C-alpha atoms as a PDB file:
ATOM      1  CA  MET A   1     -47.133 104.164  88.512  1.00  0.00           C
ATOM      2  CA  MET A   2     -45.530 102.130  85.627  1.00  0.00           C
ATOM      3  CA  GLU A   3     -41.941 102.552  85.097  1.00  0.00           C
ATOM      4  CA  ILE A   4     -40.583 103.101  81.398  1.00  0.00           C
ATOM      5  CA  THR A   5     -37.390 101.330  80.770  1.00  0.00           C
ATOM      6  CA  GLY A   6     -35.124 100.927  77.779  1.00  0.00           C
ATOM      7  CA  LYS A   7     -36.797  97.616  77.275  1.00  0.00           C
ATOM      8  CA  THR A   8     -40.448  98.806  77.433  1.00  0.00           C
ATOM      9  CA  THR A   9     -42.522  97.056  74.502  1.00  0.00           C
ATOM     10  CA  LEU A  10     -44.849  99.519  72.711  1.00  0.00           C
ATOM     11  CA  THR A  11     -48.624  98.878  71.922  1.00  0.00           C
ATOM     12  CA  GLY A  12     -51.373 101.335  71.313  1.00  0.00           C
ATOM     13  CA  LEU A  13     -54.542 102.580  69.454  1.00  0.00           C
ATOM     14  CA  ILE A  14     -54.803 104.479  66.285  1.00  0.00           C
ATOM     15  CA  GLY A  15     -57.936 106.033  64.809  1.00  0.00           C
ATOM     16  CA  THR A  16     -59.735 109.427  65.280  1.00  0.00           C
ATOM     17  CA  PRO A  17     -61.296 110.600  67.660  1.00  0.00           C
ATOM     18  CA  VAL A  18     -59.623 108.472  70.328  1.00  0.00           C
ATOM     19  CA  LYS A  19     -59.226 110.956  73.283  1.00  0.00           C
ATOM     20  CA  HIS A  20     -62.538 109.341  74.768  1.00  0.00           C
ATOM     21  CA  SER A  21     -61.015 105.819  74.759  1.00  0.00           C
ATOM     22  CA  ILE A  22     -60.373 103.957  78.017  1.00  0.00           C
ATOM     23  CA  SER A  23     -58.155 101.417  76.206  1.00  0.00           C
ATOM     24  CA  PRO A  24     -55.030 103.022  77.366  1.00  0.00           C
ATOM     25  CA  GLN A  25     -55.995 102.726  81.046  1.00  0.00           C
ATOM     26  CA  MET A  26     -57.322  99.069  80.615  1.00  0.00           C
ATOM     27  CA  HIS A  27     -54.187  97.710  78.937  1.00  0.00           C
ATOM     28  CA  ASN A  28     -51.914  99.624  81.048  1.00  0.00           C
ATOM     29  CA  GLU A  29     -53.525  98.360  84.360  1.00  0.00           C
ATOM     30  CA  ALA A  30     -53.377  94.873  82.880  1.00  0.00           C
ATOM     31  CA  PHE A  31     -49.605  95.292  82.349  1.00  0.00           C
ATOM     32  CA  ARG A  32     -49.126  96.566  85.631  1.00  0.00           C
ATOM     33  CA  GLN A  33     -51.217  93.751  87.223  1.00  0.00           C
ATOM     34  CA  LEU A  34     -49.196  91.128  85.289  1.00  0.00           C
ATOM     35  CA  ASN A  35     -45.726  92.980  85.883  1.00  0.00           C
ATOM     36  CA  LEU A  36     -45.047  93.166  81.950  1.00  0.00           C
ATOM     37  CA  ASP A  37     -42.863  95.695  80.777  1.00  0.00           C
ATOM     38  CA  TYR A  38     -45.188  97.121  78.079  1.00  0.00           C
ATOM     39  CA  VAL A  39     -47.022 100.432  77.509  1.00  0.00           C
ATOM     40  CA  TYR A  40     -50.043 101.290  75.583  1.00  0.00           C
ATOM     41  CA  LEU A  41     -50.670 104.887  74.032  1.00  0.00           C
ATOM     42  CA  ALA A  42     -53.241 106.375  72.040  1.00  0.00           C
ATOM     43  CA  PHE A  43     -52.618 108.148  68.633  1.00  0.00           C
ATOM     44  CA  ASP A  44     -55.174 110.494  67.124  1.00  0.00           C
ATOM     45  CA  LEU A  45     -54.514 110.196  63.130  1.00  0.00           C
ATOM     46  CA  ALA A  46     -55.567 112.170  60.095  1.00  0.00           C
ATOM     47  CA  ASP A  47     -56.433 109.840  57.302  1.00  0.00           C
ATOM     48  CA  SER A  48     -53.528 111.184  55.060  1.00  0.00           C
ATOM     49  CA  ASP A  49     -51.073 109.939  57.985  1.00  0.00           C
ATOM     50  CA  LEU A  50     -52.324 106.559  58.272  1.00  0.00           C
ATOM     51  CA  GLU A  51     -49.852 104.472  56.065  1.00  0.00           C
ATOM     52  CA  THR A  52     -46.815 106.578  57.635  1.00  0.00           C
ATOM     53  CA  ALA A  53     -47.947 105.818  61.289  1.00  0.00           C
ATOM     54  CA  VAL A  54     -48.526 102.057  60.398  1.00  0.00           C
ATOM     55  CA  ARG A  55     -44.910 101.868  58.908  1.00  0.00           C
ATOM     56  CA  GLY A  56     -43.632 104.079  61.901  1.00  0.00           C
ATOM     57  CA  LEU A  57     -45.026 101.866  64.600  1.00  0.00           C
ATOM     58  CA  GLN A  58     -43.687  98.841  62.726  1.00  0.00           C
ATOM     59  CA  ALA A  59     -40.167 100.566  62.349  1.00  0.00           C
ATOM     60  CA  LEU A  60     -40.254 101.565  66.012  1.00  0.00           C
ATOM     61  CA  GLY A  61     -40.459  97.790  67.007  1.00  0.00           C
ATOM     62  CA  ALA A  62     -44.234  98.001  68.452  1.00  0.00           C
ATOM     63  CA  LYS A  63     -45.608  94.507  69.404  1.00  0.00           C
ATOM     64  CA  GLY A  64     -48.764  95.431  67.837  1.00  0.00           C
ATOM     65  CA  PHE A  65     -51.582  97.939  68.064  1.00  0.00           C
ATOM     66  CA  ASN A  66     -55.413  98.319  67.992  1.00  0.00           C
ATOM     67  CA  VAL A  67     -57.143 100.194  65.244  1.00  0.00           C
ATOM     68  CA  THR A  68     -60.576 102.058  65.843  1.00  0.00           C
ATOM     69  CA  MET A  69     -62.964 104.017  63.524  1.00  0.00           C
ATOM     70  CA  PRO A  70     -62.722 105.197  60.866  1.00  0.00           C
ATOM     71  CA  TYR A  71     -59.705 102.983  59.870  1.00  0.00           C
ATOM     72  CA  LYS A  72     -60.821  99.529  60.372  1.00  0.00           C
ATOM     73  CA  VAL A  73     -61.330  98.671  56.777  1.00  0.00           C
ATOM     74  CA  GLN A  74     -58.605 100.976  55.219  1.00  0.00           C
ATOM     75  CA  ILE A  75     -56.001  99.603  57.386  1.00  0.00           C
ATOM     76  CA  VAL A  76     -56.162  96.191  55.711  1.00  0.00           C
ATOM     77  CA  LYS A  77     -54.255  97.181  52.641  1.00  0.00           C
ATOM     78  CA  TYR A  78     -51.105  97.864  54.823  1.00  0.00           C
ATOM     79  CA  MET A  79     -51.258  94.106  56.322  1.00  0.00           C
ATOM     80  CA  ASP A  80     -48.889  91.468  55.030  1.00  0.00           C
ATOM     81  CA  GLU A  81     -51.300  88.695  56.286  1.00  0.00           C
ATOM     82  CA  LEU A  82     -54.944  88.343  57.585  1.00  0.00           C
ATOM     83  CA  THR A  83     -56.236  85.840  59.963  1.00  0.00           C
ATOM     84  CA  PRO A  84     -59.268  84.089  58.803  1.00  0.00           C
ATOM     85  CA  ALA A  85     -61.866  86.159  60.633  1.00  0.00           C
ATOM     86  CA  SER A  86     -60.268  89.304  59.433  1.00  0.00           C
ATOM     87  CA  GLN A  87     -60.123  87.808  55.739  1.00  0.00           C
ATOM     88  CA  ILE A  88     -63.948  87.238  55.784  1.00  0.00           C
ATOM     89  CA  ALA A  89     -64.440  90.749  57.417  1.00  0.00           C
ATOM     90  CA  GLN A  90     -61.830  92.435  55.291  1.00  0.00           C
ATOM     91  CA  ALA A  91     -61.591  94.698  58.490  1.00  0.00           C
ATOM     92  CA  CYS A  92     -58.946  94.797  61.340  1.00  0.00           C
ATOM     93  CA  ASN A  93     -59.118  96.106  64.667  1.00  0.00           C
ATOM     94  CA  THR A  94     -55.831  94.314  66.070  1.00  0.00           C
ATOM     95  CA  VAL A  95     -52.478  94.351  64.283  1.00  0.00           C
ATOM     96  CA  ILE A  96     -49.855  91.648  65.244  1.00  0.00           C
ATOM     97  CA  ALA A  97     -46.082  92.508  64.693  1.00  0.00           C
ATOM     98  CA  LYS A  98     -44.360  89.146  64.047  1.00  0.00           C
ATOM     99  CA  ASP A  99     -41.286  88.016  62.418  1.00  0.00           C
ATOM    100  CA  GLY A 100     -40.957  91.102  60.486  1.00  0.00           C
ATOM    101  CA  LYS A 101     -44.659  91.036  59.257  1.00  0.00           C
ATOM    102  CA  LEU A 102     -47.907  92.840  60.192  1.00  0.00           C
ATOM    103  CA  ILE A 103     -50.823  90.444  60.741  1.00  0.00           C
ATOM    104  CA  GLY A 104     -54.166  91.767  60.708  1.00  0.00           C
ATOM    105  CA  HIS A 105     -56.762  90.195  63.264  1.00  0.00           C
ATOM    106  CA  THR A 106     -60.293  91.147  64.298  1.00  0.00           C
ATOM    107  CA  THR A 107     -61.264  90.835  68.081  1.00  0.00           C
ATOM    108  CA  ASP A 108     -64.231  93.118  67.788  1.00  0.00           C
ATOM    109  CA  GLY A 109     -66.409  89.945  66.953  1.00  0.00           C
ATOM    110  CA  ILE A 110     -64.997  87.950  69.638  1.00  0.00           C
ATOM    111  CA  GLY A 111     -65.753  90.931  71.918  1.00  0.00           C
ATOM    112  CA  PHE A 112     -69.093  91.298  70.882  1.00  0.00           C
ATOM    113  CA  MET A 113     -70.285  87.637  71.286  1.00  0.00           C
ATOM    114  CA  GLU A 114     -68.696  87.587  74.613  1.00  0.00           C
ATOM    115  CA  SER A 115     -70.678  90.494  75.560  1.00  0.00           C
ATOM    116  CA  VAL A 116     -73.933  89.293  74.474  1.00  0.00           C
ATOM    117  CA  ALA A 117     -73.118  86.054  76.739  1.00  0.00           C
ATOM    118  CA  ASP A 118     -71.868  88.284  79.559  1.00  0.00           C
ATOM    119  CA  ALA A 119     -75.408  90.081  79.270  1.00  0.00           C
ATOM    120  CA  GLY A 120     -76.951  86.800  79.940  1.00  0.00           C
ATOM    121  CA  HIS A 121     -78.194  86.149  76.343  1.00  0.00           C
ATOM    122  CA  ASN A 122     -77.885  83.111  73.908  1.00  0.00           C
ATOM    123  CA  ILE A 123     -78.307  84.190  70.203  1.00  0.00           C
ATOM    124  CA  ILE A 124     -76.969  80.886  68.823  1.00  0.00           C
ATOM    125  CA  GLY A 125     -79.255  79.536  66.074  1.00  0.00           C
ATOM    126  CA  LYS A 126     -81.234  82.856  66.132  1.00  0.00           C
ATOM    127  CA  LYS A 127     -81.460  85.900  63.806  1.00  0.00           C
ATOM    128  CA  MET A 128     -79.965  89.181  64.276  1.00  0.00           C
ATOM    129  CA  THR A 129     -80.499  92.525  62.429  1.00  0.00           C
ATOM    130  CA  VAL A 130     -77.362  94.616  62.233  1.00  0.00           C
ATOM    131  CA  LEU A 131     -77.302  98.424  61.284  1.00  0.00           C
ATOM    132  CA  GLY A 132     -74.218  99.221  59.601  1.00  0.00           C
ATOM    133  CA  ALA A 133     -71.697  97.723  57.376  1.00  0.00           C
ATOM    134  CA  GLY A 134     -68.476  98.953  58.357  1.00  0.00           C
ATOM    135  CA  GLY A 135     -65.388  97.604  60.096  1.00  0.00           C
ATOM    136  CA  ALA A 136     -67.101  96.969  63.373  1.00  0.00           C
ATOM    137  CA  ALA A 137     -70.273  95.553  61.665  1.00  0.00           C
ATOM    138  CA  THR A 138     -68.369  93.067  59.523  1.00  0.00           C
ATOM    139  CA  ALA A 139     -66.354  91.783  62.580  1.00  0.00           C
ATOM    140  CA  ILE A 140     -69.455  91.185  64.561  1.00  0.00           C
ATOM    141  CA  CYS A 141     -71.123  89.517  61.641  1.00  0.00           C
ATOM    142  CA  THR A 142     -68.254  87.477  61.088  1.00  0.00           C
ATOM    143  CA  GLN A 143     -67.896  86.181  64.364  1.00  0.00           C
ATOM    144  CA  ALA A 144     -71.591  85.851  64.828  1.00  0.00           C
ATOM    145  CA  ALA A 145     -71.823  83.522  61.721  1.00  0.00           C
ATOM    146  CA  LEU A 146     -68.818  81.637  62.663  1.00  0.00           C
ATOM    147  CA  ASP A 147     -70.354  80.916  66.107  1.00  0.00           C
ATOM    148  CA  GLY A 148     -73.436  79.852  64.728  1.00  0.00           C
ATOM    149  CA  VAL A 149     -76.054  82.809  64.488  1.00  0.00           C
ATOM    150  CA  SER A 150     -78.624  81.426  61.775  1.00  0.00           C
ATOM    151  CA  ASP A 151     -79.492  84.455  59.968  1.00  0.00           C
ATOM    152  CA  ILE A 152     -78.219  88.175  59.721  1.00  0.00           C
ATOM    153  CA  ASP A 153     -79.821  91.168  58.155  1.00  0.00           C
ATOM    154  CA  ILE A 154     -77.540  93.899  57.399  1.00  0.00           C
ATOM    155  CA  PHE A 155     -78.679  97.481  56.611  1.00  0.00           C
ATOM    156  CA  GLN A 156     -76.424  99.757  54.732  1.00  0.00           C
ATOM    157  CA  MET A 157     -77.205 102.841  52.623  1.00  0.00           C
ATOM    158  CA  LYS A 158     -77.594 102.105  49.108  1.00  0.00           C
ATOM    159  CA  SER A 159     -76.897 105.468  48.082  1.00  0.00           C
ATOM    160  CA  PHE A 160     -73.323 104.961  49.415  1.00  0.00           C
ATOM    161  CA  THR A 161     -72.560 102.753  46.475  1.00  0.00           C
ATOM    162  CA  GLU A 162     -69.048 101.837  47.158  1.00  0.00           C
ATOM    163  CA  GLU A 163     -69.993 100.939  50.704  1.00  0.00           C
ATOM    164  CA  TYR A 164     -73.045  98.948  49.768  1.00  0.00           C
ATOM    165  CA  GLU A 165     -71.267  96.907  47.125  1.00  0.00           C
ATOM    166  CA  ARG A 166     -68.630  96.195  49.796  1.00  0.00           C
ATOM    167  CA  ALA A 167     -71.367  95.024  51.835  1.00  0.00           C
ATOM    168  CA  LEU A 168     -72.720  92.769  49.257  1.00  0.00           C
ATOM    169  CA  ALA A 169     -69.302  91.282  48.705  1.00  0.00           C
ATOM    170  CA  PHE A 170     -68.943  90.819  52.436  1.00  0.00           C
ATOM    171  CA  ALA A 171     -72.111  88.754  52.660  1.00  0.00           C
ATOM    172  CA  ASP A 172     -70.997  86.366  49.762  1.00  0.00           C
ATOM    173  CA  ARG A 173     -67.689  85.650  51.940  1.00  0.00           C
ATOM    174  CA  VAL A 174     -69.843  84.935  54.830  1.00  0.00           C
ATOM    175  CA  ARG A 175     -71.942  82.564  52.806  1.00  0.00           C
ATOM    176  CA  LEU A 176     -68.770  80.773  51.249  1.00  0.00           C
ATOM    177  CA  HIS A 177     -67.250  80.026  54.646  1.00  0.00           C
ATOM    178  CA  THR A 178     -70.253  79.634  57.083  1.00  0.00           C
ATOM    179  CA  ASP A 179     -73.863  78.159  57.176  1.00  0.00           C
ATOM    180  CA  CYS A 180     -75.049  81.642  58.039  1.00  0.00           C
ATOM    181  CA  ASN A 181     -78.052  82.992  55.806  1.00  0.00           C
ATOM    182  CA  ILE A 182     -76.781  86.482  55.347  1.00  0.00           C
ATOM    183  CA  ASN A 183     -78.510  89.493  53.421  1.00  0.00           C
ATOM    184  CA  VAL A 184     -78.010  93.140  52.621  1.00  0.00           C
ATOM    185  CA  TYR A 185     -80.743  95.563  52.512  1.00  0.00           C
ATOM    186  CA  ASP A 186     -81.017  99.395  52.004  1.00  0.00           C
ATOM    187  CA  PHE A 187     -80.935 101.424  55.130  1.00  0.00           C
ATOM    188  CA  ALA A 188     -83.378 103.657  53.756  1.00  0.00           C
ATOM    189  CA  ASP A 189     -85.929 100.580  53.386  1.00  0.00           C
ATOM    190  CA  THR A 190     -87.757 101.178  56.578  1.00  0.00           C
ATOM    191  CA  ASN A 191     -90.323  98.387  55.736  1.00  0.00           C
ATOM    192  CA  GLN A 192     -87.748  95.738  55.360  1.00  0.00           C
ATOM    193  CA  MET A 193     -85.975  97.008  58.514  1.00  0.00           C
ATOM    194  CA  ARG A 194     -89.138  96.750  60.391  1.00  0.00           C
ATOM    195  CA  LYS A 195     -89.654  93.353  59.127  1.00  0.00           C
ATOM    196  CA  SER A 196     -85.938  92.115  59.816  1.00  0.00           C
ATOM    197  CA  ILE A 197     -86.361  93.670  63.396  1.00  0.00           C
ATOM    198  CA  SER A 198     -89.588  91.850  63.995  1.00  0.00           C
ATOM    199  CA  GLU A 199     -88.087  88.324  63.161  1.00  0.00           C
ATOM    200  CA  SER A 200     -84.994  88.960  65.242  1.00  0.00           C
ATOM    201  CA  ALA A 201     -83.797  88.079  68.485  1.00  0.00           C
ATOM    202  CA  ILE A 202     -81.231  90.861  68.672  1.00  0.00           C
ATOM    203  CA  LEU A 203     -80.976  94.378  67.087  1.00  0.00           C
ATOM    204  CA  THR A 204     -77.331  95.623  66.906  1.00  0.00           C
ATOM    205  CA  ASN A 205     -76.227  99.349  65.987  1.00  0.00           C
ATOM    206  CA  ALA A 206     -72.903  99.081  64.643  1.00  0.00           C
ATOM    207  CA  THR A 207     -73.054 102.635  63.144  1.00  0.00           C
ATOM    208  CA  ASN A 208     -71.472 105.763  64.763  1.00  0.00           C
ATOM    209  CA  VAL A 209     -74.969 107.328  64.795  1.00  0.00           C
ATOM    210  CA  GLY A 210     -75.818 108.646  68.080  1.00  0.00           C
ATOM    211  CA  MET A 211     -72.275 108.801  69.328  1.00  0.00           C
ATOM    212  CA  ALA A 212     -70.918 112.172  71.100  1.00  0.00           C
ATOM    213  CA  PRO A 213     -71.107 114.632  70.323  1.00  0.00           C
ATOM    214  CA  HIS A 214     -74.271 113.724  68.143  1.00  0.00           C
ATOM    215  CA  GLU A 215     -76.277 112.193  71.133  1.00  0.00           C
ATOM    216  CA  ASP A 216     -79.658 113.420  69.524  1.00  0.00           C
ATOM    217  CA  GLN A 217     -79.153 111.169  66.421  1.00  0.00           C
ATOM    218  CA  CYS A 218     -80.753 107.514  66.292  1.00  0.00           C
ATOM    219  CA  PRO A 219     -80.355 104.955  63.581  1.00  0.00           C
ATOM    220  CA  ILE A 220     -84.029 103.781  63.341  1.00  0.00           C
ATOM    221  CA  PRO A 221     -86.870 106.173  62.690  1.00  0.00           C
ATOM    222  CA  ASP A 222     -88.890 105.494  65.793  1.00  0.00           C
ATOM    223  CA  ALA A 223     -89.715 103.379  68.621  1.00  0.00           C
ATOM    224  CA  SER A 224     -92.427 101.420  66.961  1.00  0.00           C
ATOM    225  CA  MET A 225     -89.921  99.065  65.543  1.00  0.00           C
ATOM    226  CA  LEU A 226     -89.135  97.794  69.246  1.00  0.00           C
ATOM    227  CA  PHE A 227     -90.705  95.199  71.265  1.00  0.00           C
ATOM    228  CA  PRO A 228     -90.180  93.841  74.646  1.00  0.00           C
ATOM    229  CA  GLU A 229     -88.739  90.542  73.620  1.00  0.00           C
ATOM    230  CA  LEU A 230     -85.992  92.338  71.489  1.00  0.00           C
ATOM    231  CA  ILE A 231     -82.443  92.302  72.817  1.00  0.00           C
ATOM    232  CA  VAL A 232     -81.036  95.715  71.781  1.00  0.00           C
ATOM    233  CA  CYS A 233     -77.184  96.293  71.638  1.00  0.00           C
ATOM    234  CA  ASP A 234     -75.823  99.549  70.813  1.00  0.00           C
ATOM    235  CA  ILE A 235     -72.035  99.142  70.348  1.00  0.00           C
ATOM    236  CA  ILE A 236     -71.525 102.872  71.096  1.00  0.00           C
ATOM    237  CA  TYR A 237     -70.401 103.361  74.722  1.00  0.00           C
ATOM    238  CA  ASN A 238     -69.934 107.338  74.645  1.00  0.00           C
ATOM    239  CA  PRO A 239     -72.525 108.220  75.829  1.00  0.00           C
ATOM    240  CA  MET A 240     -73.335 105.268  77.899  1.00  0.00           C
ATOM    241  CA  LYS A 241     -77.111 105.606  77.008  1.00  0.00           C
ATOM    242  CA  THR A 242     -77.415 106.599  73.283  1.00  0.00           C
ATOM    243  CA  LYS A 243     -81.003 107.783  71.926  1.00  0.00           C
ATOM    244  CA  LEU A 244     -81.553 104.192  70.778  1.00  0.00           C
ATOM    245  CA  TYR A 245     -80.627 102.897  74.168  1.00  0.00           C
ATOM    246  CA  GLN A 246     -82.983 105.145  75.827  1.00  0.00           C
ATOM    247  CA  MET A 247     -85.730 104.183  73.317  1.00  0.00           C
ATOM    248  CA  ALA A 248     -85.115 100.522  73.713  1.00  0.00           C
ATOM    249  CA  GLU A 249     -85.264 100.887  77.502  1.00  0.00           C
ATOM    250  CA  ALA A 250     -88.472 102.683  77.402  1.00  0.00           C
ATOM    251  CA  ALA A 251     -89.865 100.006  74.975  1.00  0.00           C
ATOM    252  CA  GLY A 252     -88.937  97.271  77.597  1.00  0.00           C
ATOM    253  CA  CYS A 253     -86.266  95.680  75.677  1.00  0.00           C
ATOM    254  CA  GLN A 254     -83.288  94.026  77.183  1.00  0.00           C
ATOM    255  CA  VAL A 255     -80.637  96.376  76.276  1.00  0.00           C
ATOM    256  CA  PHE A 256     -76.666  96.787  76.652  1.00  0.00           C
ATOM    257  CA  ASN A 257     -73.954  98.908  74.994  1.00  0.00           C
ATOM    258  CA  GLY A 258     -70.567  98.477  73.640  1.00  0.00           C
ATOM    259  CA  THR A 259     -68.775  98.876  77.239  1.00  0.00           C
ATOM    260  CA  TYR A 260     -68.001  94.979  77.455  1.00  0.00           C
ATOM    261  CA  MET A 261     -67.535  94.439  74.083  1.00  0.00           C
ATOM    262  CA  LEU A 262     -64.654  96.936  74.360  1.00  0.00           C
ATOM    263  CA  LEU A 263     -63.431  94.983  77.405  1.00  0.00           C
ATOM    264  CA  PHE A 264     -63.518  91.674  75.803  1.00  0.00           C
ATOM    265  CA  GLN A 265     -62.083  92.600  72.457  1.00  0.00           C
ATOM    266  CA  GLY A 266     -59.397  94.552  74.470  1.00  0.00           C
ATOM    267  CA  ALA A 267     -58.714  91.039  76.376  1.00  0.00           C
ATOM    268  CA  ALA A 268     -58.378  89.435  73.178  1.00  0.00           C
ATOM    269  CA  SER A 269     -55.925  91.844  71.780  1.00  0.00           C
ATOM    270  CA  PHE A 270     -53.990  91.761  74.885  1.00  0.00           C
ATOM    271  CA  GLU A 271     -53.486  87.871  74.807  1.00  0.00           C
ATOM    272  CA  CYS A 272     -52.341  88.363  71.029  1.00  0.00           C
ATOM    273  CA  TRP A 273     -49.417  90.693  71.960  1.00  0.00           C
ATOM    274  CA  THR A 274     -48.331  89.183  75.290  1.00  0.00           C
ATOM    275  CA  GLY A 275     -49.411  85.564  75.212  1.00  0.00           C
ATOM    276  CA  LYS A 276     -51.208  86.030  78.669  1.00  0.00           C
ATOM    277  CA  GLU A 277     -54.891  86.523  79.804  1.00  0.00           C
ATOM    278  CA  MET A 278     -55.864  89.735  80.749  1.00  0.00           C
ATOM    279  CA  PRO A 279     -57.054  90.096  84.314  1.00  0.00           C
ATOM    280  CA  VAL A 280     -60.625  90.893  83.159  1.00  0.00           C
ATOM    281  CA  GLU A 281     -62.382  90.998  86.471  1.00  0.00           C
ATOM    282  CA  ILE A 282     -59.876  93.467  87.876  1.00  0.00           C
ATOM    283  CA  ILE A 283     -60.099  95.430  84.804  1.00  0.00           C
ATOM    284  CA  ARG A 284     -64.058  95.287  84.790  1.00  0.00           C
ATOM    285  CA  LYS A 285     -64.097  96.366  88.480  1.00  0.00           C
ATOM    286  CA  LYS A 286     -61.675  99.233  88.095  1.00  0.00           C
ATOM    287  CA  TYR A 287     -62.901 100.911  84.894  1.00  0.00           C
ATOM    288  CA  PHE A 288     -66.172  99.516  83.792  1.00  0.00           C
ATOM    289  CA  GLN A 289     -68.383  99.200  86.746  1.00  0.00           C
ATOM    290  CA  LYS A 290     -69.783 102.421  88.292  1.00  0.00           C
END
C-alpha cells in the first residue's frame, strides 16, 4: 500500500464519467514500482466546474493531470502554453504544471500510434478513415499525420455546424504543418464513408458511440462497409468489444480496441510528469492482460 506523506505529489484525471477509468490503478502502480512519492486521483467534473477545478489543481501544486471526455477541447482555453502537437489538434489530454504555467500536451495520438504498432500493424504511408472529430480524434490524426500516414478522411456530423467548422479548421492546420492529405466529410454521407473505408488500411472509431451504457449503438450503418483486409480500431475500451468491434471481428477484420492506446498514452503522460519511463510491461501484465 502506498503511503501518503506531506511531500506526496498530486497528479490525476478530470472528466466525466471517470469511475470506469483504470488510469488511477495504472499510474499509482507505476509510482509504487519506481518508489516515487506521487499519487493519481480521478475527479468527476460537471462542465460548470471545469475552470474552477483546473485553477484549484494548479493552486494545490499538482504536477499535472490528464483530461478525458468531454473536456479535451474545452480545456485548451485554460492553458498558458501548448505543445506543437496540441497546437495542431487544439485538444489536450495531458496538462503539465511547470514554472507557474500550465502546458497543454496531447499524448492520445502517441498512444494510438504505439497501439497500432503494438497490434502488429504499419500504417505509415497508407490511408486512414476516422469517425469523429473531437479531442481524441484530432490528437490521433495529428500524430498520424506527423508520423507519415499519407491520407486521412474524417467524418463529422455537418448538422453540428460549430463542430464541423472546427474539423475543417483542424484539417487546414494539419495540411499547413504536415504532408498529409486530409479531408473532412459529413458523417451522414454514407456513400462517401463507404468509399473512404474501401480505400483505407485502417478504420478508427474516435467517437463515444457504442460506449457503455450505450453498447447497442454503432457508428457505421452496417457491416457491408467492412472487408477482411481492413484493420479496425475502436478506441472505446468499455465495453471491451463494442458493436463495431463485434461486427469487424465477424467480417474477418483485424481488430483491436483502445486498451493499449490508454496504456501508451498514460506512459507518455507519466514521463512528462516524472521524467521517468513507466514500467509498461509490468502495468500491461497487471491491468491489461486477462
